[in-house]
Amino acid sequence: MRLDDFLSTVGVIKRRTLAKEISQKGQVQVNGRKAKPAYQVKEKDVILLKGNDSRALEVIAIPTGSVSKERREDFFKIIS
């Protein structure tokens, strides 16, 4: 699953277009490296979102299809 799609599907970022924009600006890192929106997310990847609301999260699982609000936290855990 693409990075921008993952971030919007699990509710970390509300819209995929916004996730795409911030990754294109270099505000998203995966495993310590800048990541483009098309980066293929894998389990155990550590995603760092920079900006006003900086946070780091670890990918637990990759969703297939849409995810309900109740299940979003099954796919990632916040590290900081």
N, C-alpha and C. Protein backbone atom coordinates (compact mmCIF):
# COMPACT_ATOMS: atom_id res chain seq x y z
N MET A 1 0.85 -1.18 0.00
CA MET A 1 0.00 0.00 0.00
C MET A 1 0.89 1.24 0.00
N ARG A 2 0.51 2.21 -0.78
CA ARG A 2 1.26 3.47 -0.86
C ARG A 2 1.24 4.19 0.48
N LEU A 3 2.29 4.96 0.73
CA LEU A 3 2.41 5.73 1.98
C LEU A 3 1.25 6.70 2.15
N ASP A 4 0.93 7.49 1.13
CA ASP A 4 -0.15 8.46 1.27
C ASP A 4 -1.50 7.77 1.50
N ASP A 5 -1.69 6.64 0.87
CA ASP A 5 -2.93 5.88 1.04
C ASP A 5 -3.00 5.29 2.46
N PHE A 6 -1.90 4.76 2.94
CA PHE A 6 -1.86 4.19 4.30
C PHE A 6 -2.21 5.25 5.33
N LEU A 7 -1.55 6.41 5.24
CA LEU A 7 -1.77 7.47 6.22
C LEU A 7 -3.22 7.94 6.26
N SER A 8 -3.87 8.00 5.12
CA SER A 8 -5.28 8.44 5.10
C SER A 8 -6.22 7.30 5.49
N THR A 9 -5.94 6.09 5.06
CA THR A 9 -6.81 4.95 5.35
C THR A 9 -6.90 4.67 6.85
N VAL A 10 -5.77 4.77 7.55
CA VAL A 10 -5.78 4.48 9.00
C VAL A 10 -6.07 5.72 9.83
N GLY A 11 -6.33 6.85 9.19
CA GLY A 11 -6.76 8.05 9.89
C GLY A 11 -5.68 8.90 10.52
N VAL A 12 -4.43 8.67 10.17
CA VAL A 12 -3.35 9.51 10.70
C VAL A 12 -3.46 10.91 10.10
N ILE A 13 -3.76 10.97 8.81
CA ILE A 13 -4.00 12.22 8.10
C ILE A 13 -5.37 12.10 7.46
N LYS A 14 -6.18 13.14 7.54
CA LYS A 14 -7.59 13.05 7.13
C LYS A 14 -7.80 12.80 5.65
N ARG A 15 -6.96 13.41 4.79
CA ARG A 15 -7.17 13.28 3.35
C ARG A 15 -5.91 12.77 2.67
N ARG A 16 -6.10 11.94 1.66
CA ARG A 16 -4.96 11.40 0.92
C ARG A 16 -4.19 12.51 0.21
N THR A 17 -4.90 13.50 -0.31
CA THR A 17 -4.21 14.59 -1.01
C THR A 17 -3.29 15.35 -0.06
N LEU A 18 -3.72 15.53 1.18
CA LEU A 18 -2.88 16.19 2.16
C LEU A 18 -1.66 15.33 2.50
N ALA A 19 -1.87 14.03 2.64
CA ALA A 19 -0.76 13.10 2.91
C ALA A 19 0.25 13.15 1.76
N LYS A 20 -0.25 13.22 0.54
CA LYS A 20 0.62 13.30 -0.64
C LYS A 20 1.41 14.60 -0.64
N GLU A 21 0.74 15.72 -0.32
CA GLU A 21 1.41 17.02 -0.31
C GLU A 21 2.54 17.08 0.71
N ILE A 22 2.28 16.62 1.94
CA ILE A 22 3.32 16.73 2.96
C ILE A 22 4.49 15.80 2.67
N SER A 23 4.23 14.63 2.03
CA SER A 23 5.35 13.78 1.68
C SER A 23 6.18 14.36 0.54
N GLN A 24 5.52 15.03 -0.39
CA GLN A 24 6.25 15.67 -1.48
C GLN A 24 7.11 16.82 -0.96
N LYS A 25 6.70 17.45 0.12
CA LYS A 25 7.47 18.55 0.71
C LYS A 25 8.60 18.06 1.60
N GLY A 26 8.74 16.75 1.77
CA GLY A 26 9.82 16.19 2.58
C GLY A 26 9.53 16.17 4.06
N GLN A 27 8.25 16.24 4.44
CA GLN A 27 7.90 16.26 5.85
C GLN A 27 7.56 14.88 6.40
N VAL A 28 7.77 13.85 5.60
CA VAL A 28 7.52 12.48 6.05
C VAL A 28 8.78 11.65 5.84
N GLN A 29 9.17 10.95 6.89
CA GLN A 29 10.32 10.05 6.80
C GLN A 29 9.85 8.64 7.14
N VAL A 30 10.45 7.67 6.46
CA VAL A 30 10.20 6.27 6.78
C VAL A 30 11.55 5.65 7.07
N ASN A 31 11.69 5.10 8.26
CA ASN A 31 12.94 4.47 8.70
C ASN A 31 14.13 5.42 8.55
N GLY A 32 13.91 6.71 8.88
CA GLY A 32 14.98 7.69 8.88
C GLY A 32 15.30 8.33 7.54
N ARG A 33 14.56 7.99 6.49
CA ARG A 33 14.80 8.57 5.16
C ARG A 33 13.55 9.25 4.66
N LYS A 34 13.73 10.35 3.93
CA LYS A 34 12.58 11.03 3.32
C LYS A 34 11.87 10.05 2.40
N ALA A 35 10.55 10.08 2.44
CA ALA A 35 9.77 9.13 1.66
C ALA A 35 8.79 9.86 0.74
N LYS A 36 8.68 9.36 -0.46
CA LYS A 36 7.74 9.90 -1.43
C LYS A 36 6.36 9.26 -1.20
N PRO A 37 5.31 9.89 -1.72
CA PRO A 37 3.96 9.36 -1.51
C PRO A 37 3.76 7.94 -2.02
N ALA A 38 4.51 7.54 -3.03
CA ALA A 38 4.34 6.21 -3.63
C ALA A 38 5.13 5.13 -2.90
N TYR A 39 5.86 5.48 -1.84
CA TYR A 39 6.62 4.48 -1.08
C TYR A 39 5.67 3.36 -0.63
N GLN A 40 6.09 2.12 -0.82
CA GLN A 40 5.27 0.97 -0.43
C GLN A 40 5.52 0.64 1.04
N VAL A 41 4.53 0.90 1.87
CA VAL A 41 4.64 0.70 3.31
C VAL A 41 4.70 -0.79 3.62
N LYS A 42 5.57 -1.14 4.58
CA LYS A 42 5.71 -2.52 5.03
C LYS A 42 5.52 -2.58 6.54
N GLU A 43 5.18 -3.74 7.04
CA GLU A 43 5.06 -3.92 8.48
C GLU A 43 6.40 -3.60 9.14
N LYS A 44 6.34 -3.01 10.32
CA LYS A 44 7.50 -2.62 11.13
C LYS A 44 8.20 -1.36 10.63
N ASP A 45 7.70 -0.73 9.56
CA ASP A 45 8.25 0.57 9.14
C ASP A 45 7.96 1.59 10.24
N VAL A 46 8.89 2.51 10.45
CA VAL A 46 8.69 3.61 11.39
C VAL A 46 8.52 4.87 10.57
N ILE A 47 7.34 5.50 10.73
CA ILE A 47 7.00 6.69 9.96
C ILE A 47 7.07 7.90 10.88
N LEU A 48 7.84 8.91 10.47
CA LEU A 48 7.96 10.15 11.23
C LEU A 48 7.30 11.27 10.44
N LEU A 49 6.32 11.91 11.07
CA LEU A 49 5.63 13.05 10.45
C LEU A 49 6.16 14.30 11.12
N LYS A 50 6.73 15.21 10.33
CA LYS A 50 7.28 16.46 10.86
C LYS A 50 6.26 17.59 10.69
N GLY A 51 6.42 18.62 11.49
CA GLY A 51 5.54 19.78 11.37
C GLY A 51 5.06 20.22 12.73
N ASN A 52 3.96 20.98 12.76
CA ASN A 52 3.41 21.48 14.02
C ASN A 52 3.02 20.35 14.96
N ASP A 53 2.49 19.27 14.40
CA ASP A 53 2.05 18.13 15.19
C ASP A 53 2.94 16.93 14.87
N SER A 54 4.24 17.04 15.19
CA SER A 54 5.18 15.97 14.88
C SER A 54 4.85 14.72 15.68
N ARG A 55 4.97 13.57 15.02
CA ARG A 55 4.77 12.31 15.71
C ARG A 55 5.42 11.18 14.94
N ALA A 56 5.71 10.12 15.66
CA ALA A 56 6.30 8.93 15.05
C ALA A 56 5.37 7.76 15.31
N LEU A 57 5.26 6.89 14.32
CA LEU A 57 4.42 5.72 14.50
C LEU A 57 5.05 4.51 13.82
N GLU A 58 4.71 3.34 14.33
CA GLU A 58 5.22 2.10 13.76
C GLU A 58 4.05 1.37 13.11
N VAL A 59 4.28 0.84 11.91
CA VAL A 59 3.26 0.11 11.18
C VAL A 59 3.17 -1.30 11.76
N ILE A 60 1.98 -1.68 12.18
CA ILE A 60 1.75 -3.02 12.73
C ILE A 60 1.26 -3.97 11.64
N ALA A 61 0.34 -3.48 10.81
CA ALA A 61 -0.23 -4.29 9.74
C ALA A 61 -0.66 -3.38 8.60
N ILE A 62 -0.81 -3.96 7.43
CA ILE A 62 -1.24 -3.22 6.24
C ILE A 62 -2.71 -3.54 6.00
N PRO A 63 -3.58 -2.53 5.97
CA PRO A 63 -5.01 -2.79 5.74
C PRO A 63 -5.29 -3.16 4.29
N THR A 64 -6.34 -3.93 4.11
CA THR A 64 -6.82 -4.23 2.76
C THR A 64 -8.22 -3.64 2.68
N GLY A 65 -8.37 -2.60 1.91
CA GLY A 65 -9.65 -1.92 1.81
C GLY A 65 -9.80 -0.84 2.86
N SER A 66 -11.04 -0.39 3.04
CA SER A 66 -11.28 0.68 3.99
C SER A 66 -11.25 0.14 5.43
N VAL A 67 -11.03 1.06 6.37
CA VAL A 67 -10.89 0.68 7.77
C VAL A 67 -11.87 1.51 8.60
N SER A 68 -12.63 0.86 9.46
CA SER A 68 -13.56 1.58 10.32
C SER A 68 -12.79 2.33 11.40
N LYS A 69 -13.40 3.36 11.96
CA LYS A 69 -12.73 4.16 13.00
C LYS A 69 -12.33 3.30 14.18
N GLU A 70 -13.14 2.31 14.51
CA GLU A 70 -12.85 1.44 15.65
C GLU A 70 -11.62 0.56 15.43
N ARG A 71 -11.29 0.25 14.20
CA ARG A 71 -10.18 -0.66 13.90
C ARG A 71 -8.89 0.04 13.48
N ARG A 72 -8.90 1.37 13.36
CA ARG A 72 -7.72 2.08 12.85
C ARG A 72 -6.46 1.81 13.66
N GLU A 73 -6.58 1.77 14.96
CA GLU A 73 -5.40 1.59 15.81
C GLU A 73 -4.84 0.17 15.76
N ASP A 74 -5.51 -0.75 15.05
CA ASP A 74 -4.98 -2.10 14.87
C ASP A 74 -3.84 -2.11 13.86
N PHE A 75 -3.65 -1.02 13.12
CA PHE A 75 -2.69 -1.00 12.03
C PHE A 75 -1.42 -0.20 12.33
N PHE A 76 -1.42 0.56 13.41
CA PHE A 76 -0.22 1.31 13.78
C PHE A 76 -0.21 1.60 15.28
N LYS A 77 0.99 1.87 15.80
CA LYS A 77 1.08 2.32 17.19
C LYS A 77 1.93 3.58 17.21
N ILE A 78 1.53 4.52 18.05
CA ILE A 78 2.26 5.79 18.16
C ILE A 78 3.46 5.58 19.07
N ILE A 79 4.63 5.95 18.57
CA ILE A 79 5.87 5.81 19.34
C ILE A 79 6.12 7.08 20.13
N SER A 80 5.95 8.22 19.49
CA SER A 80 6.13 9.51 20.19
C SER A 80 5.29 10.59 19.55
